[in-house]
PDB file of N, CA and C in Angstrom:
ATOM      1  N   UNK A   1      13.106 -23.326  40.226  1.00  0.00           N
ATOM      2  CA  UNK A   1      13.130 -22.200  41.093  1.00  0.00           C
ATOM      3  C   UNK A   1      12.278 -22.510  42.359  1.00  0.00           C
ATOM      4  N   UNK A   2      12.750 -22.057  43.491  1.00  0.00           N
ATOM      5  CA  UNK A   2      11.989 -22.262  44.712  1.00  0.00           C
ATOM      6  C   UNK A   2      10.942 -21.163  44.831  1.00  0.00           C
ATOM      7  N   UNK A   3      10.036 -21.334  45.829  1.00  0.00           N
ATOM      8  CA  UNK A   3       9.044 -20.323  46.024  1.00  0.00           C
ATOM      9  C   UNK A   3       9.630 -18.975  46.367  1.00  0.00           C
ATOM     10  N   UNK A   4      10.654 -18.994  47.265  1.00  0.00           N
ATOM     11  CA  UNK A   4      11.275 -17.738  47.596  1.00  0.00           C
ATOM     12  C   UNK A   4      11.959 -17.045  46.446  1.00  0.00           C
ATOM     13  N   UNK A   5      12.564 -17.796  45.586  1.00  0.00           N
ATOM     14  CA  UNK A   5      13.181 -17.203  44.373  1.00  0.00           C
ATOM     15  C   UNK A   5      12.120 -16.629  43.456  1.00  0.00           C
ATOM     16  N   UNK A   6      10.962 -17.269  43.311  1.00  0.00           N
ATOM     17  CA  UNK A   6       9.891 -16.749  42.548  1.00  0.00           C
ATOM     18  C   UNK A   6       9.395 -15.427  43.053  1.00  0.00           C
ATOM     19  N   UNK A   7       9.248 -15.391  44.414  1.00  0.00           N
ATOM     20  CA  UNK A   7       8.751 -14.105  45.009  1.00  0.00           C
ATOM     21  C   UNK A   7       9.800 -12.984  44.847  1.00  0.00           C
ATOM     22  N   UNK A   8      11.042 -13.315  44.941  1.00  0.00           N
ATOM     23  CA  UNK A   8      12.081 -12.257  44.779  1.00  0.00           C
ATOM     24  C   UNK A   8      12.147 -11.799  43.290  1.00  0.00           C
ATOM     25  N   UNK A   9      11.950 -12.750  42.370  1.00  0.00           N
ATOM     26  CA  UNK A   9      11.964 -12.370  40.971  1.00  0.00           C
ATOM     27  C   UNK A   9      10.835 -11.475  40.536  1.00  0.00           C
ATOM     28  N   UNK A  10       9.726 -11.546  41.250  1.00  0.00           N
ATOM     29  CA  UNK A  10       8.561 -10.713  40.874  1.00  0.00           C
ATOM     30  C   UNK A  10       8.497  -9.367  41.579  1.00  0.00           C
ATOM     31  N   UNK A  11       9.436  -9.167  42.561  1.00  0.00           N
ATOM     32  CA  UNK A  11       9.460  -7.904  43.311  1.00  0.00           C
ATOM     33  C   UNK A  11       9.918  -6.786  42.374  1.00  0.00           C
ATOM     34  N   UNK A  12       9.264  -5.670  42.493  1.00  0.00           N
ATOM     35  CA  UNK A  12       9.711  -4.471  41.815  1.00  0.00           C
ATOM     36  C   UNK A  12       9.836  -3.324  42.773  1.00  0.00           C
ATOM     37  N   UNK A  13      10.804  -2.449  42.554  1.00  0.00           N
ATOM     38  CA  UNK A  13      11.026  -1.328  43.420  1.00  0.00           C
ATOM     39  C   UNK A  13       9.767  -0.492  43.644  1.00  0.00           C
ATOM     40  N   UNK A  14       9.005  -0.366  42.617  1.00  0.00           N
ATOM     41  CA  UNK A  14       7.736   0.436  42.708  1.00  0.00           C
ATOM     42  C   UNK A  14       6.811  -0.090  43.805  1.00  0.00           C
ATOM     43  N   UNK A  15       6.968  -1.344  44.161  1.00  0.00           N
ATOM     44  CA  UNK A  15       6.082  -1.969  45.164  1.00  0.00           C
ATOM     45  C   UNK A  15       6.363  -1.336  46.501  1.00  0.00           C
ATOM     46  N   UNK A  16       7.410  -0.543  46.730  1.00  0.00           N
ATOM     47  CA  UNK A  16       7.646   0.090  48.044  1.00  0.00           C
ATOM     48  C   UNK A  16       6.502   1.142  48.283  1.00  0.00           C
ATOM     49  N   UNK A  17       5.863   1.636  47.238  1.00  0.00           N
ATOM     50  CA  UNK A  17       4.722   2.520  47.391  1.00  0.00           C
ATOM     51  C   UNK A  17       3.509   1.755  46.822  1.00  0.00           C
ATOM     52  N   UNK A  18       2.804   1.100  47.706  1.00  0.00           N
ATOM     53  CA  UNK A  18       1.730   0.190  47.379  1.00  0.00           C
ATOM     54  C   UNK A  18       0.419   0.679  47.968  1.00  0.00           C
ATOM     55  N   UNK A  19      -0.681   0.062  47.601  1.00  0.00           N
ATOM     56  CA  UNK A  19      -1.967   0.481  48.317  1.00  0.00           C
ATOM     57  C   UNK A  19      -1.787   0.342  49.857  1.00  0.00           C
ATOM     58  N   UNK A  20      -1.144  -0.689  50.298  1.00  0.00           N
ATOM     59  CA  UNK A  20      -0.979  -0.846  51.793  1.00  0.00           C
ATOM     60  C   UNK A  20      -0.166   0.246  52.412  1.00  0.00           C
ATOM     61  N   UNK A  21       0.966   0.622  51.770  1.00  0.00           N
ATOM     62  CA  UNK A  21       1.777   1.696  52.338  1.00  0.00           C
ATOM     63  C   UNK A  21       1.108   3.074  52.203  1.00  0.00           C
ATOM     64  N   UNK A  22       0.260   3.198  51.162  1.00  0.00           N
ATOM     65  CA  UNK A  22      -0.494   4.463  51.017  1.00  0.00           C
ATOM     66  C   UNK A  22      -1.569   4.516  52.072  1.00  0.00           C
ATOM     67  N   UNK A  23      -2.222   3.416  52.452  1.00  0.00           N
ATOM     68  CA  UNK A  23      -3.164   3.452  53.489  1.00  0.00           C
ATOM     69  C   UNK A  23      -2.558   3.782  54.810  1.00  0.00           C
ATOM     70  N   UNK A  24      -1.372   3.232  55.051  1.00  0.00           N
ATOM     71  CA  UNK A  24      -0.607   3.560  56.257  1.00  0.00           C
ATOM     72  C   UNK A  24      -0.259   5.044  56.345  1.00  0.00           C
ATOM     73  N   UNK A  25       0.203   5.600  55.234  1.00  0.00           N
ATOM     74  CA  UNK A  25       0.466   7.026  55.212  1.00  0.00           C
ATOM     75  C   UNK A  25      -0.756   7.841  55.468  1.00  0.00           C
ATOM     76  N   UNK A  26      -1.884   7.451  54.865  1.00  0.00           N
ATOM     77  CA  UNK A  26      -3.172   8.181  55.120  1.00  0.00           C
ATOM     78  C   UNK A  26      -3.535   8.192  56.618  1.00  0.00           C
ATOM     79  N   UNK A  27      -3.231   7.021  57.263  1.00  0.00           N
ATOM     80  CA  UNK A  27      -3.508   6.928  58.686  1.00  0.00           C
ATOM     81  C   UNK A  27      -2.660   7.954  59.465  1.00  0.00           C
ATOM     82  N   UNK A  28      -1.409   8.019  59.086  1.00  0.00           N
ATOM     83  CA  UNK A  28      -0.517   9.042  59.727  1.00  0.00           C
ATOM     84  C   UNK A  28      -1.101  10.417  59.657  1.00  0.00           C
ATOM     85  N   UNK A  29      -1.510  10.802  58.416  1.00  0.00           N
ATOM     86  CA  UNK A  29      -2.029  12.159  58.213  1.00  0.00           C
ATOM     87  C   UNK A  29      -3.392  12.327  58.887  1.00  0.00           C
ATOM     88  N   UNK A  30      -4.182  11.313  58.921  1.00  0.00           N
ATOM     89  CA  UNK A  30      -5.472  11.384  59.641  1.00  0.00           C
ATOM     90  C   UNK A  30      -5.187  11.712  61.137  1.00  0.00           C
ATOM     91  N   UNK A  31      -4.150  11.072  61.684  1.00  0.00           N
ATOM     92  CA  UNK A  31      -3.820  11.268  63.100  1.00  0.00           C
ATOM     93  C   UNK A  31      -3.159  12.656  63.350  1.00  0.00           C
ATOM     94  N   UNK A  32      -2.429  13.202  62.411  1.00  0.00           N
ATOM     95  CA  UNK A  32      -1.634  14.351  62.681  1.00  0.00           C
ATOM     96  C   UNK A  32      -2.135  15.642  61.965  1.00  0.00           C
ATOM     97  N   UNK A  33      -3.028  15.554  61.019  1.00  0.00           N
ATOM     98  CA  UNK A  33      -3.462  16.769  60.327  1.00  0.00           C
ATOM     99  C   UNK A  33      -5.013  16.901  60.340  1.00  0.00           C
ATOM    100  N   UNK A  34      -5.452  17.829  61.173  1.00  0.00           N
ATOM    101  CA  UNK A  34      -6.928  18.071  61.203  1.00  0.00           C
ATOM    102  C   UNK A  34      -7.473  18.450  59.865  1.00  0.00           C
ATOM    103  N   UNK A  35      -8.566  17.890  59.464  1.00  0.00           N
ATOM    104  CA  UNK A  35      -9.138  18.205  58.175  1.00  0.00           C
ATOM    105  C   UNK A  35      -8.654  17.393  56.989  1.00  0.00           C
ATOM    106  N   UNK A  36      -7.645  16.491  57.251  1.00  0.00           N
ATOM    107  CA  UNK A  36      -7.101  15.670  56.181  1.00  0.00           C
ATOM    108  C   UNK A  36      -8.228  14.792  55.602  1.00  0.00           C
ATOM    109  N   UNK A  37      -8.314  14.789  54.286  1.00  0.00           N
ATOM    110  CA  UNK A  37      -9.335  14.045  53.536  1.00  0.00           C
ATOM    111  C   UNK A  37      -8.818  12.697  53.182  1.00  0.00           C
ATOM    112  N   UNK A  38      -8.957  11.713  54.118  1.00  0.00           N
ATOM    113  CA  UNK A  38      -8.419  10.376  53.960  1.00  0.00           C
ATOM    114  C   UNK A  38      -8.865   9.701  52.645  1.00  0.00           C
ATOM    115  N   UNK A  39     -10.193   9.733  52.409  1.00  0.00           N
ATOM    116  CA  UNK A  39     -10.690   9.083  51.183  1.00  0.00           C
ATOM    117  C   UNK A  39     -10.185   9.778  49.908  1.00  0.00           C
ATOM    118  N   UNK A  40     -10.119  11.041  49.969  1.00  0.00           N
ATOM    119  CA  UNK A  40      -9.629  11.789  48.815  1.00  0.00           C
ATOM    120  C   UNK A  40      -8.170  11.437  48.478  1.00  0.00           C
ATOM    121  N   UNK A  41      -7.365  11.458  49.603  1.00  0.00           N
ATOM    122  CA  UNK A  41      -5.982  11.013  49.392  1.00  0.00           C
ATOM    123  C   UNK A  41      -5.848   9.663  48.760  1.00  0.00           C
ATOM    124  N   UNK A  42      -6.555   8.734  49.250  1.00  0.00           N
ATOM    125  CA  UNK A  42      -6.410   7.381  48.691  1.00  0.00           C
ATOM    126  C   UNK A  42      -6.960   7.273  47.271  1.00  0.00           C
ATOM    127  N   UNK A  43      -8.004   7.967  46.995  1.00  0.00           N
ATOM    128  CA  UNK A  43      -8.542   7.990  45.606  1.00  0.00           C
ATOM    129  C   UNK A  43      -7.510   8.578  44.609  1.00  0.00           C
ATOM    130  N   UNK A  44      -6.878   9.651  44.920  1.00  0.00           N
ATOM    131  CA  UNK A  44      -5.901  10.243  44.057  1.00  0.00           C
ATOM    132  C   UNK A  44      -4.612   9.429  44.045  1.00  0.00           C
ATOM    133  N   UNK A  45      -4.145   8.965  45.200  1.00  0.00           N
ATOM    134  CA  UNK A  45      -2.901   8.220  45.313  1.00  0.00           C
ATOM    135  C   UNK A  45      -2.918   6.842  44.549  1.00  0.00           C
ATOM    136  N   UNK A  46      -4.041   6.232  44.611  1.00  0.00           N
ATOM    137  CA  UNK A  46      -4.131   4.831  44.000  1.00  0.00           C
ATOM    138  C   UNK A  46      -4.685   4.862  42.552  1.00  0.00           C
ATOM    139  N   UNK A  47      -5.106   5.976  42.061  1.00  0.00           N
ATOM    140  CA  UNK A  47      -5.662   6.002  40.698  1.00  0.00           C
ATOM    141  C   UNK A  47      -4.564   5.639  39.650  1.00  0.00           C
ATOM    142  N   UNK A  48      -4.704   4.560  38.962  1.00  0.00           N
ATOM    143  CA  UNK A  48      -3.764   4.073  37.997  1.00  0.00           C
ATOM    144  C   UNK A  48      -2.380   3.636  38.508  1.00  0.00           C
ATOM    145  N   UNK A  49      -2.414   3.332  39.819  1.00  0.00           N
ATOM    146  CA  UNK A  49      -1.117   3.059  40.503  1.00  0.00           C
ATOM    147  C   UNK A  49      -0.298   1.958  39.861  1.00  0.00           C
ATOM    148  N   UNK A  50      -0.953   0.864  39.444  1.00  0.00           N
ATOM    149  CA  UNK A  50      -0.220  -0.279  38.903  1.00  0.00           C
ATOM    150  C   UNK A  50       0.671   0.076  37.717  1.00  0.00           C
ATOM    151  N   UNK A  51       0.285   1.016  36.902  1.00  0.00           N
ATOM    152  CA  UNK A  51       1.083   1.381  35.735  1.00  0.00           C
ATOM    153  C   UNK A  51       2.174   2.334  35.981  1.00  0.00           C
ATOM    154  N   UNK A  52       2.275   2.886  37.219  1.00  0.00           N
ATOM    155  CA  UNK A  52       3.284   3.888  37.526  1.00  0.00           C
ATOM    156  C   UNK A  52       4.597   3.347  37.961  1.00  0.00           C
ATOM    157  N   UNK A  53       5.662   3.959  37.592  1.00  0.00           N
ATOM    158  CA  UNK A  53       7.018   3.638  38.064  1.00  0.00           C
ATOM    159  C   UNK A  53       7.188   4.142  39.514  1.00  0.00           C
ATOM    160  N   UNK A  54       8.262   3.794  40.103  1.00  0.00           N
ATOM    161  CA  UNK A  54       8.500   4.254  41.476  1.00  0.00           C
ATOM    162  C   UNK A  54       8.543   5.799  41.580  1.00  0.00           C
ATOM    163  N   UNK A  55       9.191   6.472  40.662  1.00  0.00           N
ATOM    164  CA  UNK A  55       9.291   7.916  40.743  1.00  0.00           C
ATOM    165  C   UNK A  55       7.940   8.572  40.428  1.00  0.00           C
ATOM    166  N   UNK A  56       7.150   7.927  39.584  1.00  0.00           N
ATOM    167  CA  UNK A  56       5.862   8.476  39.300  1.00  0.00           C
ATOM    168  C   UNK A  56       5.009   8.238  40.540  1.00  0.00           C
ATOM    169  N   UNK A  57       5.142   7.195  41.252  1.00  0.00           N
ATOM    170  CA  UNK A  57       4.435   6.972  42.529  1.00  0.00           C
ATOM    171  C   UNK A  57       4.822   8.007  43.595  1.00  0.00           C
ATOM    172  N   UNK A  58       6.082   8.321  43.644  1.00  0.00           N
ATOM    173  CA  UNK A  58       6.581   9.342  44.569  1.00  0.00           C
ATOM    174  C   UNK A  58       5.810  10.652  44.256  1.00  0.00           C
ATOM    175  N   UNK A  59       5.800  11.005  42.997  1.00  0.00           N
ATOM    176  CA  UNK A  59       5.081  12.284  42.691  1.00  0.00           C
ATOM    177  C   UNK A  59       3.583  12.194  42.908  1.00  0.00           C
ATOM    178  N   UNK A  60       2.980  10.996  42.707  1.00  0.00           N
ATOM    179  CA  UNK A  60       1.584  10.786  42.970  1.00  0.00           C
ATOM    180  C   UNK A  60       1.258  11.003  44.445  1.00  0.00           C
ATOM    181  N   UNK A  61       2.176  10.616  45.394  1.00  0.00           N
ATOM    182  CA  UNK A  61       2.020  10.899  46.769  1.00  0.00           C
ATOM    183  C   UNK A  61       1.885  12.398  46.988  1.00  0.00           C
ATOM    184  N   UNK A  62       2.787  13.151  46.372  1.00  0.00           N
ATOM    185  CA  UNK A  62       2.770  14.611  46.504  1.00  0.00           C
ATOM    186  C   UNK A  62       1.433  15.186  45.976  1.00  0.00           C
ATOM    187  N   UNK A  63       0.955  14.755  44.860  1.00  0.00           N
ATOM    188  CA  UNK A  63      -0.314  15.214  44.265  1.00  0.00           C
ATOM    189  C   UNK A  63      -1.445  14.852  45.168  1.00  0.00           C
ATOM    190  N   UNK A  64      -1.454  13.660  45.733  1.00  0.00           N
ATOM    191  CA  UNK A  64      -2.544  13.261  46.660  1.00  0.00           C
ATOM    192  C   UNK A  64      -2.510  14.056  47.918  1.00  0.00           C
ATOM    193  N   UNK A  65      -1.355  14.407  48.435  1.00  0.00           N
ATOM    194  CA  UNK A  65      -1.316  15.246  49.634  1.00  0.00           C
ATOM    195  C   UNK A  65      -1.843  16.619  49.344  1.00  0.00           C
ATOM    196  N   UNK A  66      -1.462  17.160  48.190  1.00  0.00           N
ATOM    197  CA  UNK A  66      -1.946  18.477  47.849  1.00  0.00           C
ATOM    198  C   UNK A  66      -3.500  18.477  47.735  1.00  0.00           C
ATOM    199  N   UNK A  67      -4.036  17.369  47.187  1.00  0.00           N
ATOM    200  CA  UNK A  67      -5.498  17.273  47.069  1.00  0.00           C
ATOM    201  C   UNK A  67      -6.210  17.067  48.369  1.00  0.00           C
ATOM    202  N   UNK A  68      -5.571  16.415  49.323  1.00  0.00           N
ATOM    203  CA  UNK A  68      -6.250  15.985  50.530  1.00  0.00           C
ATOM    204  C   UNK A  68      -5.970  16.873  51.748  1.00  0.00           C
ATOM    205  N   UNK A  69      -4.965  17.659  51.740  1.00  0.00           N
ATOM    206  CA  UNK A  69      -4.661  18.546  52.870  1.00  0.00           C
ATOM    207  C   UNK A  69      -5.413  19.885  52.736  1.00  0.00           C
ATOM    208  N   UNK A  70      -6.047  20.334  53.752  1.00  0.00           N
ATOM    209  CA  UNK A  70      -6.778  21.631  53.658  1.00  0.00           C
ATOM    210  C   UNK A  70      -5.869  22.832  53.833  1.00  0.00           C
ATOM    211  N   UNK A  71      -6.289  23.991  53.306  1.00  0.00           N
ATOM    212  CA  UNK A  71      -5.645  25.229  53.578  1.00  0.00           C
ATOM    213  C   UNK A  71      -4.607  25.672  52.569  1.00  0.00           C
ATOM    214  N   UNK A  72      -3.824  26.601  52.926  1.00  0.00           N
ATOM    215  CA  UNK A  72      -2.826  27.249  52.117  1.00  0.00           C
ATOM    216  C   UNK A  72      -1.643  26.260  52.012  1.00  0.00           C
ATOM    217  N   UNK A  73      -0.646  26.650  51.185  1.00  0.00           N
ATOM    218  CA  UNK A  73       0.541  25.907  51.122  1.00  0.00           C
ATOM    219  C   UNK A  73       1.268  25.817  52.444  1.00  0.00           C
ATOM    220  N   UNK A  74       1.297  26.950  53.180  1.00  0.00           N
ATOM    221  CA  UNK A  74       1.945  26.949  54.545  1.00  0.00           C
ATOM    222  C   UNK A  74       1.309  26.002  55.437  1.00  0.00           C
ATOM    223  N   UNK A  75      -0.077  25.923  55.476  1.00  0.00           N
ATOM    224  CA  UNK A  75      -0.758  24.986  56.345  1.00  0.00           C
ATOM    225  C   UNK A  75      -0.449  23.542  55.968  1.00  0.00           C
ATOM    226  N   UNK A  76      -0.423  23.290  54.624  1.00  0.00           N
ATOM    227  CA  UNK A  76      -0.103  21.941  54.125  1.00  0.00           C
ATOM    228  C   UNK A  76       1.306  21.598  54.506  1.00  0.00           C
ATOM    229  N   UNK A  77       2.214  22.499  54.348  1.00  0.00           N
ATOM    230  CA  UNK A  77       3.635  22.280  54.657  1.00  0.00           C
ATOM    231  C   UNK A  77       3.761  21.910  56.146  1.00  0.00           C
ATOM    232  N   UNK A  78       3.099  22.654  57.007  1.00  0.00           N
ATOM    233  CA  UNK A  78       3.168  22.337  58.442  1.00  0.00           C
ATOM    234  C   UNK A  78       2.694  20.910  58.679  1.00  0.00           C
ATOM    235  N   UNK A  79       1.578  20.482  58.061  1.00  0.00           N
ATOM    236  CA  UNK A  79       1.114  19.117  58.183  1.00  0.00           C
ATOM    237  C   UNK A  79       2.101  18.065  57.714  1.00  0.00           C
ATOM    238  N   UNK A  80       2.733  18.354  56.547  1.00  0.00           N
ATOM    239  CA  UNK A  80       3.762  17.423  56.013  1.00  0.00           C
ATOM    240  C   UNK A  80       4.967  17.306  56.973  1.00  0.00           C
ATOM    241  N   UNK A  81       5.384  18.390  57.486  1.00  0.00           N
ATOM    242  CA  UNK A  81       6.584  18.463  58.397  1.00  0.00           C
ATOM    243  C   UNK A  81       6.165  17.661  59.698  1.00  0.00           C
ATOM    244  N   UNK A  82       5.002  17.867  60.186  1.00  0.00           N
ATOM    245  CA  UNK A  82       4.576  17.195  61.425  1.00  0.00           C
ATOM    246  C   UNK A  82       4.426  15.667  61.181  1.00  0.00           C
ATOM    247  N   UNK A  83       3.997  15.274  59.980  1.00  0.00           N
ATOM    248  CA  UNK A  83       3.806  13.836  59.714  1.00  0.00           C
ATOM    249  C   UNK A  83       5.089  13.134  59.331  1.00  0.00           C
ATOM    250  N   UNK A  84       6.064  13.847  58.931  1.00  0.00           N
ATOM    251  CA  UNK A  84       7.299  13.201  58.322  1.00  0.00           C
ATOM    252  C   UNK A  84       7.944  12.207  59.244  1.00  0.00           C
ATOM    253  N   UNK A  85       8.094  12.383  60.542  1.00  0.00           N
ATOM    254  CA  UNK A  85       8.794  11.377  61.373  1.00  0.00           C
ATOM    255  C   UNK A  85       8.061  10.070  61.415  1.00  0.00           C
ATOM    256  N   UNK A  86       6.769  10.056  61.104  1.00  0.00           N
ATOM    257  CA  UNK A  86       5.979   8.816  61.141  1.00  0.00           C
ATOM    258  C   UNK A  86       5.576   8.319  59.756  1.00  0.00           C
ATOM    259  N   UNK A  87       6.124   8.893  58.711  1.00  0.00           N
ATOM    260  CA  UNK A  87       5.648   8.589  57.350  1.00  0.00           C
ATOM    261  C   UNK A  87       6.150   7.265  56.808  1.00  0.00           C
ATOM    262  N   UNK A  88       7.108   6.605  57.406  1.00  0.00           N
ATOM    263  CA  UNK A  88       7.486   5.313  56.887  1.00  0.00           C
ATOM    264  C   UNK A  88       8.839   5.286  56.256  1.00  0.00           C
ATOM    265  N   UNK A  89       9.516   6.420  56.021  1.00  0.00           N
ATOM    266  CA  UNK A  89      10.805   6.404  55.495  1.00  0.00           C
ATOM    267  C   UNK A  89      10.897   6.060  54.023  1.00  0.00           C
ATOM    268  N   UNK A  90      12.114   5.899  53.538  1.00  0.00           N
ATOM    269  CA  UNK A  90      12.394   5.423  52.213  1.00  0.00           C
ATOM    270  C   UNK A  90      11.650   6.272  51.162  1.00  0.00           C
ATOM    271  N   UNK A  91      11.100   5.651  50.179  1.00  0.00           N
ATOM    272  CA  UNK A  91      10.488   6.340  49.036  1.00  0.00           C
ATOM    273  C   UNK A  91       9.272   7.092  49.460  1.00  0.00           C
ATOM    274  N   UNK A  92       8.568   6.685  50.562  1.00  0.00           N
ATOM    275  CA  UNK A  92       7.438   7.417  51.031  1.00  0.00           C
ATOM    276  C   UNK A  92       7.825   8.770  51.453  1.00  0.00           C
ATOM    277  N   UNK A  93       8.931   8.933  52.139  1.00  0.00           N
ATOM    278  CA  UNK A  93       9.372  10.255  52.574  1.00  0.00           C
ATOM    279  C   UNK A  93       9.828  11.063  51.285  1.00  0.00           C
ATOM    280  N   UNK A  94      10.209  10.424  50.251  1.00  0.00           N
ATOM    281  CA  UNK A  94      10.550  11.160  49.060  1.00  0.00           C
ATOM    282  C   UNK A  94       9.282  11.845  48.492  1.00  0.00           C
ATOM    283  N   UNK A  95       8.094  11.203  48.697  1.00  0.00           N
ATOM    284  CA  UNK A  95       6.884  11.782  48.340  1.00  0.00           C
ATOM    285  C   UNK A  95       6.580  13.096  49.091  1.00  0.00           C
ATOM    286  N   UNK A  96       6.986  13.133  50.334  1.00  0.00           N
ATOM    287  CA  UNK A  96       6.800  14.352  51.143  1.00  0.00           C
ATOM    288  C   UNK A  96       7.768  15.449  50.629  1.00  0.00           C
ATOM    289  N   UNK A  97       8.988  15.046  50.265  1.00  0.00           N
ATOM    290  CA  UNK A  97       9.947  16.011  49.699  1.00  0.00           C
ATOM    291  C   UNK A  97       9.462  16.510  48.342  1.00  0.00           C
ATOM    292  N   UNK A  98       8.905  15.614  47.583  1.00  0.00           N
ATOM    293  CA  UNK A  98       8.359  16.037  46.270  1.00  0.00           C
ATOM    294  C   UNK A  98       7.175  16.944  46.438  1.00  0.00           C
ATOM    295  N   UNK A  99       6.388  16.807  47.520  1.00  0.00           N
ATOM    296  CA  UNK A  99       5.299  17.737  47.770  1.00  0.00           C
ATOM    297  C   UNK A  99       5.909  19.155  47.882  1.00  0.00           C
ATOM    298  N   UNK A 100       6.956  19.329  48.676  1.00  0.00           N
ATOM    299  CA  UNK A 100       7.600  20.624  48.974  1.00  0.00           C
ATOM    300  C   UNK A 100       8.167  21.114  47.632  1.00  0.00           C
ATOM    301  N   UNK A 101       8.912  20.291  46.869  1.00  0.00           N
ATOM    302  CA  UNK A 101       9.501  20.713  45.602  1.00  0.00           C
ATOM    303  C   UNK A 101       8.431  21.057  44.612  1.00  0.00           C
ATOM    304  N   UNK A 102       7.371  20.368  44.536  1.00  0.00           N
ATOM    305  CA  UNK A 102       6.383  20.629  43.476  1.00  0.00           C
ATOM    306  C   UNK A 102       5.433  21.746  43.777  1.00  0.00           C
ATOM    307  N   UNK A 103       5.027  21.892  45.014  1.00  0.00           N
ATOM    308  CA  UNK A 103       4.014  22.860  45.390  1.00  0.00           C
ATOM    309  C   UNK A 103       4.509  24.070  46.122  1.00  0.00           C
ATOM    310  N   UNK A 104       5.807  24.096  46.505  1.00  0.00           N
ATOM    311  CA  UNK A 104       6.395  25.187  47.273  1.00  0.00           C
ATOM    312  C   UNK A 104       7.222  26.180  46.482  1.00  0.00           C
ATOM    313  N   UNK A 105       7.216  26.042  45.152  1.00  0.00           N
ATOM    314  CA  UNK A 105       8.066  26.917  44.376  1.00  0.00           C
ATOM    315  C   UNK A 105       7.689  28.405  44.562  1.00  0.00           C
ATOM    316  N   UNK A 106       6.467  28.706  44.771  1.00  0.00           N
ATOM    317  CA  UNK A 106       6.030  30.076  44.981  1.00  0.00           C
ATOM    318  C   UNK A 106       6.416  30.620  46.347  1.00  0.00           C
ATOM    319  N   UNK A 107       6.810  29.768  47.222  1.00  0.00           N
ATOM    320  CA  UNK A 107       7.175  30.198  48.576  1.00  0.00           C
ATOM    321  C   UNK A 107       8.521  29.542  49.062  1.00  0.00           C
ATOM    322  N   UNK A 108       9.588  29.899  48.368  1.00  0.00           N
ATOM    323  CA  UNK A 108      10.856  29.225  48.729  1.00  0.00           C
ATOM    324  C   UNK A 108      11.288  29.431  50.163  1.00  0.00           C
ATOM    325  N   UNK A 109      11.002  30.609  50.737  1.00  0.00           N
ATOM    326  CA  UNK A 109      11.485  30.834  52.080  1.00  0.00           C
ATOM    327  C   UNK A 109      10.804  29.832  53.096  1.00  0.00           C
ATOM    328  N   UNK A 110       9.511  29.638  52.914  1.00  0.00           N
ATOM    329  CA  UNK A 110       8.796  28.622  53.807  1.00  0.00           C
ATOM    330  C   UNK A 110       9.298  27.279  53.507  1.00  0.00           C
ATOM    331  N   UNK A 111       9.445  26.946  52.244  1.00  0.00           N
ATOM    332  CA  UNK A 111       9.805  25.625  51.792  1.00  0.00           C
ATOM    333  C   UNK A 111      11.133  25.192  52.364  1.00  0.00           C
ATOM    334  N   UNK A 112      12.060  26.127  52.297  1.00  0.00           N
ATOM    335  CA  UNK A 112      13.432  25.821  52.823  1.00  0.00           C
ATOM    336  C   UNK A 112      13.529  25.843  54.302  1.00  0.00           C
ATOM    337  N   UNK A 113      12.809  26.796  54.943  1.00  0.00           N
ATOM    338  CA  UNK A 113      12.924  26.933  56.341  1.00  0.00           C
ATOM    339  C   UNK A 113      12.207  25.874  57.176  1.00  0.00           C
ATOM    340  N   UNK A 114      10.891  25.654  56.821  1.00  0.00           N
ATOM    341  CA  UNK A 114      10.104  24.636  57.582  1.00  0.00           C
ATOM    342  C   UNK A 114      10.480  23.240  57.231  1.00  0.00           C
ATOM    343  N   UNK A 115      10.846  22.973  55.989  1.00  0.00           N
ATOM    344  CA  UNK A 115      11.061  21.575  55.654  1.00  0.00           C
ATOM    345  C   UNK A 115      12.447  21.091  56.156  1.00  0.00           C
ATOM    346  N   UNK A 116      13.308  22.041  56.552  1.00  0.00           N
ATOM    347  CA  UNK A 116      14.635  21.645  57.083  1.00  0.00           C
ATOM    348  C   UNK A 116      14.637  21.620  58.596  1.00  0.00           C
ATOM    349  N   UNK A 117      13.558  22.002  59.200  1.00  0.00           N
ATOM    350  CA  UNK A 117      13.554  22.102  60.713  1.00  0.00           C
ATOM    351  C   UNK A 117      13.524  20.739  61.294  1.00  0.00           C
TER     352      UNK A 117
END
C-alpha cells in the first residue's frame, strides 16, 4: 500500500466533524453571536468525541450550541440562522438543523419560519 492509500483507508466519515472543524464553527459563532461561550461550546462538543459516530457528532453540535448560546430558544435560533451561511456546510450544517429539530419542538412556528428564511 502506498502512503496515500493508507491515509484513505483510515479516513472515516465521522472525521468531517473533528476538533478542528468544531474550533472553526466556534469562531463563526464568536464572530456572529454576542455572548456565545466559546470555551463552553468546545468543552461540550469535544467531550468523548472520538467514540461518537457521525450522526452522534451532529447531535453533539446541537447540544453544544444549546449549552453555549445565551438566551431563549428564539434568541438561540436567531444566532444559528445568522451563523449558518458561514458554518462550513456538509455535516456541520446538519448540526445546526439538529439544533432546531431537538430544541425547537416547543416553538414550531419559530422553528419553521426563521430556519427557512
